[in-house]
Amino acid sequence: MSALPSKYIPVEYSVVGVAAFLLAALRHNDTVSMLWDRVKHDARVRTFDRFANALTILFAGRVIMMEKGVLRVDAGSEPSL
């Protein structure tokens, strides 16, 4: 598994691509389990390891955070209009 896309790994199948997909799939009041149940059948995600690695990138980059067991997009990372 590659974190970054390469000549042989398309963006959508890299961990960064999966992280972008998870961010787009994240809904209001989602827990980790709820998000996993919704995306686990997608070919881009495939395994829980890939799912966990993508969430780790989002947490490490402070794009998402967890509040009382619920995943939230970090308000500091949202673009302002």
PDB file of N, CA and C in Angstrom:
ATOM      1  N   MET A   1       0.845  -1.172   0.000  1.00  0.00           N
ATOM      2  CA  MET A   1       0.000   0.000   0.000  1.00  0.00           C
ATOM      3  C   MET A   1       0.889   1.234   0.000  1.00  0.00           C
ATOM      4  N   SER A   2       0.528   2.179  -0.815  1.00  0.00           N
ATOM      5  CA  SER A   2       1.306   3.402  -0.937  1.00  0.00           C
ATOM      6  C   SER A   2       0.498   4.589  -0.433  1.00  0.00           C
ATOM      7  N   ALA A   3       1.154   5.443   0.330  1.00  0.00           N
ATOM      8  CA  ALA A   3       0.476   6.637   0.834  1.00  0.00           C
ATOM      9  C   ALA A   3       0.248   7.639  -0.287  1.00  0.00           C
ATOM     10  N   LEU A   4       1.188   7.676  -1.220  1.00  0.00           N
ATOM     11  CA  LEU A   4       1.097   8.625  -2.317  1.00  0.00           C
ATOM     12  C   LEU A   4       0.881   7.904  -3.640  1.00  0.00           C
ATOM     13  N   PRO A   5       0.245   8.581  -4.590  1.00  0.00           N
ATOM     14  CA  PRO A   5       0.069   7.963  -5.907  1.00  0.00           C
ATOM     15  C   PRO A   5       1.418   7.817  -6.601  1.00  0.00           C
ATOM     16  N   SER A   6       1.494   6.904  -7.511  1.00  0.00           N
ATOM     17  CA  SER A   6       2.725   6.687  -8.265  1.00  0.00           C
ATOM     18  C   SER A   6       2.360   6.326  -9.701  1.00  0.00           C
ATOM     19  N   LYS A   7       3.361   5.928 -10.426  1.00  0.00           N
ATOM     20  CA  LYS A   7       3.153   5.502 -11.805  1.00  0.00           C
ATOM     21  C   LYS A   7       2.206   4.306 -11.878  1.00  0.00           C
ATOM     22  N   TYR A   8       2.236   3.474 -10.852  1.00  0.00           N
ATOM     23  CA  TYR A   8       1.452   2.236 -10.842  1.00  0.00           C
ATOM     24  C   TYR A   8       0.215   2.302  -9.950  1.00  0.00           C
ATOM     25  N   ILE A   9       0.131   3.308  -9.098  1.00  0.00           N
ATOM     26  CA  ILE A   9      -0.996   3.434  -8.162  1.00  0.00           C
ATOM     27  C   ILE A   9      -1.736   4.735  -8.449  1.00  0.00           C
ATOM     28  N   PRO A  10      -2.971   4.643  -8.948  1.00  0.00           N
ATOM     29  CA  PRO A  10      -3.756   5.851  -9.216  1.00  0.00           C
ATOM     30  C   PRO A  10      -4.065   6.605  -7.922  1.00  0.00           C
ATOM     31  N   VAL A  11      -4.323   7.881  -8.038  1.00  0.00           N
ATOM     32  CA  VAL A  11      -4.591   8.727  -6.876  1.00  0.00           C
ATOM     33  C   VAL A  11      -5.700   8.144  -6.006  1.00  0.00           C
ATOM     34  N   GLU A  12      -6.789   7.714  -6.599  1.00  0.00           N
ATOM     35  CA  GLU A  12      -7.943   7.256  -5.822  1.00  0.00           C
ATOM     36  C   GLU A  12      -7.662   5.982  -5.021  1.00  0.00           C
ATOM     37  N   TYR A  13      -6.610   5.247  -5.367  1.00  0.00           N
ATOM     38  CA  TYR A  13      -6.272   4.024  -4.637  1.00  0.00           C
ATOM     39  C   TYR A  13      -5.101   4.219  -3.667  1.00  0.00           C
ATOM     40  N   SER A  14      -4.512   5.403  -3.644  1.00  0.00           N
ATOM     41  CA  SER A  14      -3.467   5.700  -2.664  1.00  0.00           C
ATOM     42  C   SER A  14      -4.149   6.063  -1.345  1.00  0.00           C
ATOM     43  N   VAL A  15      -3.393   6.052  -0.271  1.00  0.00           N
ATOM     44  CA  VAL A  15      -3.972   6.380   1.035  1.00  0.00           C
ATOM     45  C   VAL A  15      -4.460   7.826   1.049  1.00  0.00           C
ATOM     46  N   VAL A  16      -3.741   8.710   0.384  1.00  0.00           N
ATOM     47  CA  VAL A  16      -4.175  10.107   0.295  1.00  0.00           C
ATOM     48  C   VAL A  16      -5.504  10.205  -0.462  1.00  0.00           C
ATOM     49  N   GLY A  17      -5.653   9.434  -1.510  1.00  0.00           N
ATOM     50  CA  GLY A  17      -6.911   9.413  -2.256  1.00  0.00           C
ATOM     51  C   GLY A  17      -8.054   8.845  -1.447  1.00  0.00           C
ATOM     52  N   VAL A  18      -7.772   7.795  -0.678  1.00  0.00           N
ATOM     53  CA  VAL A  18      -8.796   7.214   0.203  1.00  0.00           C
ATOM     54  C   VAL A  18      -9.182   8.225   1.283  1.00  0.00           C
ATOM     55  N   ALA A  19      -8.206   8.967   1.794  1.00  0.00           N
ATOM     56  CA  ALA A  19      -8.495   9.993   2.804  1.00  0.00           C
ATOM     57  C   ALA A  19      -9.436  11.058   2.236  1.00  0.00           C
ATOM     58  N   ALA A  20      -9.193  11.465   1.000  1.00  0.00           N
ATOM     59  CA  ALA A  20     -10.072  12.440   0.347  1.00  0.00           C
ATOM     60  C   ALA A  20     -11.477  11.870   0.168  1.00  0.00           C
ATOM     61  N   PHE A  21     -11.548  10.594  -0.207  1.00  0.00           N
ATOM     62  CA  PHE A  21     -12.844   9.930  -0.357  1.00  0.00           C
ATOM     63  C   PHE A  21     -13.585   9.876   0.983  1.00  0.00           C
ATOM     64  N   LEU A  22     -12.877   9.544   2.061  1.00  0.00           N
ATOM     65  CA  LEU A  22     -13.510   9.484   3.389  1.00  0.00           C
ATOM     66  C   LEU A  22     -13.998  10.858   3.820  1.00  0.00           C
ATOM     67  N   LEU A  23     -13.216  11.866   3.552  1.00  0.00           N
ATOM     68  CA  LEU A  23     -13.632  13.222   3.905  1.00  0.00           C
ATOM     69  C   LEU A  23     -14.910  13.606   3.174  1.00  0.00           C
ATOM     70  N   ALA A  24     -15.017  13.230   1.922  1.00  0.00           N
ATOM     71  CA  ALA A  24     -16.226  13.518   1.144  1.00  0.00           C
ATOM     72  C   ALA A  24     -17.410  12.679   1.625  1.00  0.00           C
ATOM     73  N   ALA A  25     -17.144  11.481   2.124  1.00  0.00           N
ATOM     74  CA  ALA A  25     -18.214  10.584   2.574  1.00  0.00           C
ATOM     75  C   ALA A  25     -18.669  10.875   3.997  1.00  0.00           C
ATOM     76  N   LEU A  26     -17.888  11.652   4.741  1.00  0.00           N
ATOM     77  CA  LEU A  26     -18.201  11.935   6.138  1.00  0.00           C
ATOM     78  C   LEU A  26     -19.483  12.761   6.259  1.00  0.00           C
ATOM     79  N   ARG A  27     -20.386  12.284   7.085  1.00  0.00           N
ATOM     80  CA  ARG A  27     -21.658  12.975   7.318  1.00  0.00           C
ATOM     81  C   ARG A  27     -21.711  13.504   8.744  1.00  0.00           C
ATOM     82  N   HIS A  28     -22.643  14.377   8.971  1.00  0.00           N
ATOM     83  CA  HIS A  28     -22.848  14.943  10.297  1.00  0.00           C
ATOM     84  C   HIS A  28     -23.171  13.823  11.290  1.00  0.00           C
ATOM     85  N   ASN A  29     -22.545  13.833  12.444  1.00  0.00           N
ATOM     86  CA  ASN A  29     -22.750  12.862  13.533  1.00  0.00           C
ATOM     87  C   ASN A  29     -22.280  11.451  13.203  1.00  0.00           C
ATOM     88  N   ASP A  30     -21.335  11.295  12.293  1.00  0.00           N
ATOM     89  CA  ASP A  30     -20.769   9.984  11.986  1.00  0.00           C
ATOM     90  C   ASP A  30     -19.758   9.566  13.048  1.00  0.00           C
ATOM     91  N   THR A  31     -19.829   8.317  13.442  1.00  0.00           N
ATOM     92  CA  THR A  31     -18.772   7.728  14.257  1.00  0.00           C
ATOM     93  C   THR A  31     -17.840   6.981  13.309  1.00  0.00           C
ATOM     94  N   VAL A  32     -16.724   6.498  13.836  1.00  0.00           N
ATOM     95  CA  VAL A  32     -15.802   5.726  13.001  1.00  0.00           C
ATOM     96  C   VAL A  32     -16.516   4.492  12.459  1.00  0.00           C
ATOM     97  N   SER A  33     -17.287   3.822  13.313  1.00  0.00           N
ATOM     98  CA  SER A  33     -18.004   2.610  12.887  1.00  0.00           C
ATOM     99  C   SER A  33     -19.039   2.896  11.813  1.00  0.00           C
ATOM    100  N   MET A  34     -19.750   3.995  11.960  1.00  0.00           N
ATOM    101  CA  MET A  34     -20.767   4.342  10.961  1.00  0.00           C
ATOM    102  C   MET A  34     -20.120   4.640   9.610  1.00  0.00           C
ATOM    103  N   LEU A  35     -19.010   5.374   9.635  1.00  0.00           N
ATOM    104  CA  LEU A  35     -18.310   5.682   8.395  1.00  0.00           C
ATOM    105  C   LEU A  35     -17.762   4.409   7.754  1.00  0.00           C
ATOM    106  N   TRP A  36     -17.163   3.528   8.568  1.00  0.00           N
ATOM    107  CA  TRP A  36     -16.634   2.259   8.063  1.00  0.00           C
ATOM    108  C   TRP A  36     -17.741   1.434   7.419  1.00  0.00           C
ATOM    109  N   ASP A  37     -18.893   1.319   8.083  1.00  0.00           N
ATOM    110  CA  ASP A  37     -19.996   0.529   7.540  1.00  0.00           C
ATOM    111  C   ASP A  37     -20.466   1.063   6.186  1.00  0.00           C
ATOM    112  N   ARG A  38     -20.406   2.373   6.003  1.00  0.00           N
ATOM    113  CA  ARG A  38     -20.871   2.964   4.757  1.00  0.00           C
ATOM    114  C   ARG A  38     -19.859   2.818   3.617  1.00  0.00           C
ATOM    115  N   VAL A  39     -18.551   2.833   3.922  1.00  0.00           N
ATOM    116  CA  VAL A  39     -17.549   2.858   2.850  1.00  0.00           C
ATOM    117  C   VAL A  39     -16.798   1.544   2.645  1.00  0.00           C
ATOM    118  N   LYS A  40     -17.003   0.558   3.496  1.00  0.00           N
ATOM    119  CA  LYS A  40     -16.186  -0.664   3.432  1.00  0.00           C
ATOM    120  C   LYS A  40     -16.361  -1.463   2.143  1.00  0.00           C
ATOM    121  N   HIS A  41     -17.440  -1.272   1.441  1.00  0.00           N
ATOM    122  CA  HIS A  41     -17.670  -2.033   0.212  1.00  0.00           C
ATOM    123  C   HIS A  41     -17.122  -1.328  -1.032  1.00  0.00           C
ATOM    124  N   ASP A  42     -16.610  -0.121  -0.849  1.00  0.00           N
ATOM    125  CA  ASP A  42     -16.034   0.615  -1.973  1.00  0.00           C
ATOM    126  C   ASP A  42     -14.669   0.019  -2.339  1.00  0.00           C
ATOM    127  N   ALA A  43     -14.405  -0.138  -3.609  1.00  0.00           N
ATOM    128  CA  ALA A  43     -13.154  -0.757  -4.075  1.00  0.00           C
ATOM    129  C   ALA A  43     -11.922   0.045  -3.673  1.00  0.00           C
ATOM    130  N   ARG A  44     -12.082   1.359  -3.493  1.00  0.00           N
ATOM    131  CA  ARG A  44     -10.937   2.185  -3.102  1.00  0.00           C
ATOM    132  C   ARG A  44     -10.504   1.905  -1.672  1.00  0.00           C
ATOM    133  N   VAL A  45     -11.442   1.586  -0.809  1.00  0.00           N
ATOM    134  CA  VAL A  45     -11.136   1.368   0.609  1.00  0.00           C
ATOM    135  C   VAL A  45     -10.654  -0.057   0.842  1.00  0.00           C
ATOM    136  N   ARG A  46     -11.393  -1.020   0.394  1.00  0.00           N
ATOM    137  CA  ARG A  46     -11.074  -2.451   0.438  1.00  0.00           C
ATOM    138  C   ARG A  46     -10.856  -3.041   1.823  1.00  0.00           C
ATOM    139  N   THR A  47      -9.931  -2.526   2.635  1.00  0.00           N
ATOM    140  CA  THR A  47      -9.627  -3.156   3.920  1.00  0.00           C
ATOM    141  C   THR A  47      -9.701  -2.137   5.045  1.00  0.00           C
ATOM    142  N   PHE A  48      -9.850  -2.655   6.268  1.00  0.00           N
ATOM    143  CA  PHE A  48      -9.885  -1.761   7.420  1.00  0.00           C
ATOM    144  C   PHE A  48      -8.527  -1.090   7.619  1.00  0.00           C
ATOM    145  N   ASP A  49      -7.443  -1.742   7.249  1.00  0.00           N
ATOM    146  CA  ASP A  49      -6.119  -1.129   7.373  1.00  0.00           C
ATOM    147  C   ASP A  49      -6.016   0.135   6.517  1.00  0.00           C
ATOM    148  N   ARG A  50      -6.497   0.060   5.300  1.00  0.00           N
ATOM    149  CA  ARG A  50      -6.470   1.240   4.427  1.00  0.00           C
ATOM    150  C   ARG A  50      -7.362   2.344   4.989  1.00  0.00           C
ATOM    151  N   PHE A  51      -8.514   1.949   5.503  1.00  0.00           N
ATOM    152  CA  PHE A  51      -9.441   2.894   6.129  1.00  0.00           C
ATOM    153  C   PHE A  51      -8.768   3.581   7.314  1.00  0.00           C
ATOM    154  N   ALA A  52      -8.140   2.788   8.183  1.00  0.00           N
ATOM    155  CA  ALA A  52      -7.481   3.333   9.376  1.00  0.00           C
ATOM    156  C   ALA A  52      -6.304   4.235   9.001  1.00  0.00           C
ATOM    157  N   ASN A  53      -5.525   3.837   8.001  1.00  0.00           N
ATOM    158  CA  ASN A  53      -4.405   4.675   7.563  1.00  0.00           C
ATOM    159  C   ASN A  53      -4.892   6.009   7.000  1.00  0.00           C
ATOM    160  N   ALA A  54      -5.971   5.985   6.257  1.00  0.00           N
ATOM    161  CA  ALA A  54      -6.524   7.228   5.704  1.00  0.00           C
ATOM    162  C   ALA A  54      -7.042   8.129   6.821  1.00  0.00           C
ATOM    163  N   LEU A  55      -7.710   7.544   7.819  1.00  0.00           N
ATOM    164  CA  LEU A  55      -8.169   8.344   8.957  1.00  0.00           C
ATOM    165  C   LEU A  55      -6.986   8.919   9.728  1.00  0.00           C
ATOM    166  N   THR A  56      -5.922   8.152   9.849  1.00  0.00           N
ATOM    167  CA  THR A  56      -4.723   8.628  10.541  1.00  0.00           C
ATOM    168  C   THR A  56      -4.142   9.856   9.849  1.00  0.00           C
ATOM    169  N   ILE A  57      -4.108   9.835   8.523  1.00  0.00           N
ATOM    170  CA  ILE A  57      -3.624  11.004   7.781  1.00  0.00           C
ATOM    171  C   ILE A  57      -4.515  12.213   8.048  1.00  0.00           C
ATOM    172  N   LEU A  58      -5.829  12.000   8.066  1.00  0.00           N
ATOM    173  CA  LEU A  58      -6.755  13.107   8.316  1.00  0.00           C
ATOM    174  C   LEU A  58      -6.610  13.651   9.740  1.00  0.00           C
ATOM    175  N   PHE A  59      -6.420  12.763  10.719  1.00  0.00           N
ATOM    176  CA  PHE A  59      -6.205  13.198  12.097  1.00  0.00           C
ATOM    177  C   PHE A  59      -4.870  13.926  12.235  1.00  0.00           C
ATOM    178  N   ALA A  60      -3.810  13.358  11.666  1.00  0.00           N
ATOM    179  CA  ALA A  60      -2.473  13.948  11.783  1.00  0.00           C
ATOM    180  C   ALA A  60      -2.415  15.325  11.126  1.00  0.00           C
ATOM    181  N   GLY A  61      -3.138  15.489  10.048  1.00  0.00           N
ATOM    182  CA  GLY A  61      -3.189  16.771   9.360  1.00  0.00           C
ATOM    183  C   GLY A  61      -4.181  17.733   9.975  1.00  0.00           C
ATOM    184  N   ARG A  62      -4.825  17.320  11.042  1.00  0.00           N
ATOM    185  CA  ARG A  62      -5.837  18.117  11.753  1.00  0.00           C
ATOM    186  C   ARG A  62      -6.975  18.557  10.835  1.00  0.00           C
ATOM    187  N   VAL A  63      -7.298  17.679   9.911  1.00  0.00           N
ATOM    188  CA  VAL A  63      -8.428  17.934   9.021  1.00  0.00           C
ATOM    189  C   VAL A  63      -9.717  17.511   9.721  1.00  0.00           C
ATOM    190  N   ILE A  64      -9.645  16.394  10.460  1.00  0.00           N
ATOM    191  CA  ILE A  64     -10.796  15.943  11.241  1.00  0.00           C
ATOM    192  C   ILE A  64     -10.382  15.793  12.696  1.00  0.00           C
ATOM    193  N   MET A  65     -11.370  15.774  13.565  1.00  0.00           N
ATOM    194  CA  MET A  65     -11.139  15.548  14.981  1.00  0.00           C
ATOM    195  C   MET A  65     -12.296  14.733  15.530  1.00  0.00           C
ATOM    196  N   MET A  66     -12.141  14.239  16.737  1.00  0.00           N
ATOM    197  CA  MET A  66     -13.199  13.456  17.349  1.00  0.00           C
ATOM    198  C   MET A  66     -13.712  14.211  18.568  1.00  0.00           C
ATOM    199  N   GLU A  67     -15.020  14.355  18.626  1.00  0.00           N
ATOM    200  CA  GLU A  67     -15.682  15.053  19.716  1.00  0.00           C
ATOM    201  C   GLU A  67     -16.750  14.141  20.289  1.00  0.00           C
ATOM    202  N   LYS A  68     -16.525  13.633  21.499  1.00  0.00           N
ATOM    203  CA  LYS A  68     -17.479  12.731  22.161  1.00  0.00           C
ATOM    204  C   LYS A  68     -17.823  11.533  21.275  1.00  0.00           C
ATOM    205  N   GLY A  69     -16.819  10.977  20.604  1.00  0.00           N
ATOM    206  CA  GLY A  69     -17.013   9.789  19.780  1.00  0.00           C
ATOM    207  C   GLY A  69     -17.522  10.058  18.373  1.00  0.00           C
ATOM    208  N   VAL A  70     -17.738  11.321  18.036  1.00  0.00           N
ATOM    209  CA  VAL A  70     -18.262  11.694  16.717  1.00  0.00           C
ATOM    210  C   VAL A  70     -17.154  12.382  15.918  1.00  0.00           C
ATOM    211  N   LEU A  71     -16.994  11.977  14.670  1.00  0.00           N
ATOM    212  CA  LEU A  71     -16.003  12.600  13.792  1.00  0.00           C
ATOM    213  C   LEU A  71     -16.515  13.958  13.323  1.00  0.00           C
ATOM    214  N   ARG A  72     -15.631  14.940  13.376  1.00  0.00           N
ATOM    215  CA  ARG A  72     -15.981  16.289  12.929  1.00  0.00           C
ATOM    216  C   ARG A  72     -14.866  16.829  12.049  1.00  0.00           C
ATOM    217  N   VAL A  73     -15.251  17.610  11.049  1.00  0.00           N
ATOM    218  CA  VAL A  73     -14.259  18.341  10.268  1.00  0.00           C
ATOM    219  C   VAL A  73     -13.796  19.484  11.151  1.00  0.00           C
ATOM    220  N   ASP A  74     -12.480  19.637  11.297  1.00  0.00           N
ATOM    221  CA  ASP A  74     -11.918  20.673  12.154  1.00  0.00           C
ATOM    222  C   ASP A  74     -12.291  22.032  11.595  1.00  0.00           C
ATOM    223  N   ALA A  75     -12.886  22.877  12.436  1.00  0.00           N
ATOM    224  CA  ALA A  75     -13.356  24.191  11.996  1.00  0.00           C
ATOM    225  C   ALA A  75     -12.208  25.051  11.463  1.00  0.00           C
ATOM    226  N   GLY A  76     -11.002  24.849  11.964  1.00  0.00           N
ATOM    227  CA  GLY A  76      -9.854  25.610  11.500  1.00  0.00           C
ATOM    228  C   GLY A  76      -9.417  25.250  10.092  1.00  0.00           C
ATOM    229  N   SER A  77      -9.821  24.073   9.608  1.00  0.00           N
ATOM    230  CA  SER A  77      -9.399  23.631   8.282  1.00  0.00           C
ATOM    231  C   SER A  77     -10.460  23.906   7.216  1.00  0.00           C
ATOM    232  N   GLU A  78     -11.622  24.359   7.618  1.00  0.00           N
ATOM    233  CA  GLU A  78     -12.682  24.643   6.637  1.00  0.00           C
ATOM    234  C   GLU A  78     -12.405  25.983   5.965  1.00  0.00           C
ATOM    235  N   PRO A  79     -12.562  26.055   4.661  1.00  0.00           N
ATOM    236  CA  PRO A  79     -12.353  27.334   3.987  1.00  0.00           C
ATOM    237  C   PRO A  79     -13.469  28.315   4.348  1.00  0.00           C
ATOM    238  N   SER A  80     -13.108  29.563   4.551  1.00  0.00           N
ATOM    239  CA  SER A  80     -14.122  30.571   4.886  1.00  0.00           C
ATOM    240  C   SER A  80     -14.498  31.330   3.617  1.00  0.00           C
ATOM    241  N   LEU A  81     -15.738  31.734   3.552  1.00  0.00           N
ATOM    242  CA  LEU A  81     -16.226  32.463   2.372  1.00  0.00           C
ATOM    243  C   LEU A  81     -16.272  33.935   2.639  1.00  0.00           C
TER     244      LEU A  81
END
